[in-house]
């Protein structure tokens, strides 16, 4: 099962072939916290509310926000450190006008990895 923002359909983003059912949530963001608030976007809220336990393998801001919210809701969260795709991380930085990253662990690692 997959839960994804309607942006995926609007932007014709390829979905995983390993998912039998996809639920699209009306959302103008890709997830995470709504900027300027302490609230999750509709997509991230649906993910956290529908899950009973979570496993995150690496990840960035959206993963971090969802897993922290799941922990706060009392749901078990397992985090497995993994590097982000280096080229995708570099491209995102270029699009934002930021310096290319030198750390590819992602913001989820900084917030969720054991010992952090």
Protein backbone atom coordinates (compact mmCIF):
# COMPACT_ATOMS: atom_id res chain seq x y z
CA UNK A 1 0.00 0.00 0.00
CA UNK A 2 1.22 3.48 -0.73
CA UNK A 3 0.07 6.91 0.41
CA UNK A 4 1.21 9.80 -1.72
CA UNK A 5 0.36 13.44 -2.43
CA UNK A 6 -1.84 14.23 -5.42
CA UNK A 7 1.25 16.07 -6.70
CA UNK A 8 2.55 12.67 -7.79
CA UNK A 9 -0.39 12.21 -10.14
CA UNK A 10 -0.36 15.84 -11.32
CA UNK A 11 3.38 15.74 -12.05
CA UNK A 12 3.21 12.22 -13.48
CA UNK A 13 5.77 10.82 -11.07
CA UNK A 14 6.42 7.11 -11.55
CA UNK A 15 5.04 5.04 -8.68
CA UNK A 16 6.63 1.88 -7.32
CA UNK A 17 5.67 -1.32 -9.11
CA UNK A 18 5.86 -3.05 -5.71
CA UNK A 19 2.71 -1.31 -4.45
CA UNK A 20 -0.67 -2.94 -4.98
CA UNK A 21 -2.82 -0.01 -3.82
CA UNK A 22 -2.04 3.70 -3.98
CA UNK A 23 -4.02 6.26 -2.02
CA UNK A 24 -3.70 9.83 -3.25
CA UNK A 25 -4.14 12.54 -0.61
CA UNK A 26 -5.16 16.01 -1.73
CA UNK A 27 -2.06 17.99 -0.78
CA UNK A 28 -0.15 20.89 -2.32
CA UNK A 29 3.11 19.64 -0.75
CA UNK A 30 5.18 16.48 -0.90
CA UNK A 31 4.81 15.96 2.82
CA UNK A 32 6.54 16.82 6.07
CA UNK A 33 5.61 19.74 8.25
CA UNK A 34 3.61 22.57 6.76
CA UNK A 35 6.04 25.51 6.63
CA UNK A 36 5.61 27.90 9.55
CA UNK A 37 3.59 25.41 11.62
CA UNK A 38 4.06 22.38 13.85
CA UNK A 39 1.50 20.42 11.82
CA UNK A 40 2.10 17.69 9.27
CA UNK A 41 0.90 18.09 5.72
CA UNK A 42 -2.22 16.09 4.82
CA UNK A 43 -0.15 13.34 3.17
CA UNK A 44 2.26 12.93 6.08
CA UNK A 45 -0.61 13.05 8.58
CA UNK A 46 -2.37 10.24 6.69
CA UNK A 47 0.80 8.14 6.74
CA UNK A 48 1.37 8.59 10.47
CA UNK A 49 -2.30 8.13 11.40
CA UNK A 50 -2.71 4.94 9.36
CA UNK A 51 0.47 3.19 10.50
CA UNK A 52 1.01 1.08 13.58
CA UNK A 53 4.80 0.82 13.30
CA UNK A 54 7.37 2.35 10.98
CA UNK A 55 10.69 1.52 9.37
CA UNK A 56 12.67 4.31 7.72
CA UNK A 57 15.78 3.59 5.66
CA UNK A 58 17.67 6.86 5.44
CA UNK A 59 15.75 9.93 4.36
CA UNK A 60 15.45 13.66 4.36
CA UNK A 61 13.17 16.25 5.90
CA UNK A 62 9.86 14.54 5.09
CA UNK A 63 11.03 11.22 6.54
CA UNK A 64 12.36 13.01 9.60
CA UNK A 65 9.10 14.88 10.19
CA UNK A 66 6.95 11.77 9.74
CA UNK A 67 9.07 9.52 11.95
CA UNK A 68 9.33 12.11 14.73
CA UNK A 69 5.53 12.53 14.61
CA UNK A 70 5.08 8.74 14.70
CA UNK A 71 7.35 8.51 17.76
CA UNK A 72 5.45 11.34 19.43
CA UNK A 73 2.20 9.42 18.74
CA UNK A 74 3.69 6.43 20.58
CA UNK A 75 4.25 4.26 17.52
CA UNK A 76 7.42 2.16 17.23
CA UNK A 77 9.96 3.60 14.77
CA UNK A 78 13.00 1.73 13.49
CA UNK A 79 15.59 3.83 11.68
CA UNK A 80 18.22 2.24 9.43
CA UNK A 81 20.95 4.67 8.36
CA UNK A 82 21.57 4.89 4.62
CA UNK A 83 23.15 7.45 2.32
CA UNK A 84 20.85 9.40 0.05
CA UNK A 85 21.33 9.10 -3.69
CA UNK A 86 24.30 11.44 -4.18
CA UNK A 87 23.31 12.72 -7.61
CA UNK A 88 19.70 13.43 -6.60
CA UNK A 89 20.91 15.25 -3.48
CA UNK A 90 23.29 17.36 -5.59
CA UNK A 91 20.52 18.17 -8.10
CA UNK A 92 18.11 19.24 -5.32
CA UNK A 93 20.79 21.54 -3.90
CA UNK A 94 21.43 23.07 -7.34
CA UNK A 95 17.70 23.69 -7.85
CA UNK A 96 17.52 25.45 -4.47
CA UNK A 97 20.61 27.53 -5.20
CA UNK A 98 22.46 25.85 -2.33
CA UNK A 99 26.00 24.53 -2.16
CA UNK A 100 26.41 20.90 -3.14
CA UNK A 101 26.18 18.65 -0.10
CA UNK A 102 29.16 16.83 1.29
CA UNK A 103 27.12 14.84 3.82
CA UNK A 104 24.68 12.40 2.25
CA UNK A 105 23.20 10.91 5.41
CA UNK A 106 20.19 13.24 5.32
CA UNK A 107 18.29 15.10 8.00
CA UNK A 108 16.45 11.94 9.10
CA UNK A 109 19.79 10.45 10.17
CA UNK A 110 20.67 13.50 12.26
CA UNK A 111 17.31 13.31 14.06
CA UNK A 112 16.70 9.55 14.29
CA UNK A 113 19.94 7.56 14.28
CA UNK A 114 20.87 5.90 17.55
CA UNK A 115 23.22 8.10 19.54
CA UNK A 116 22.11 11.36 17.90
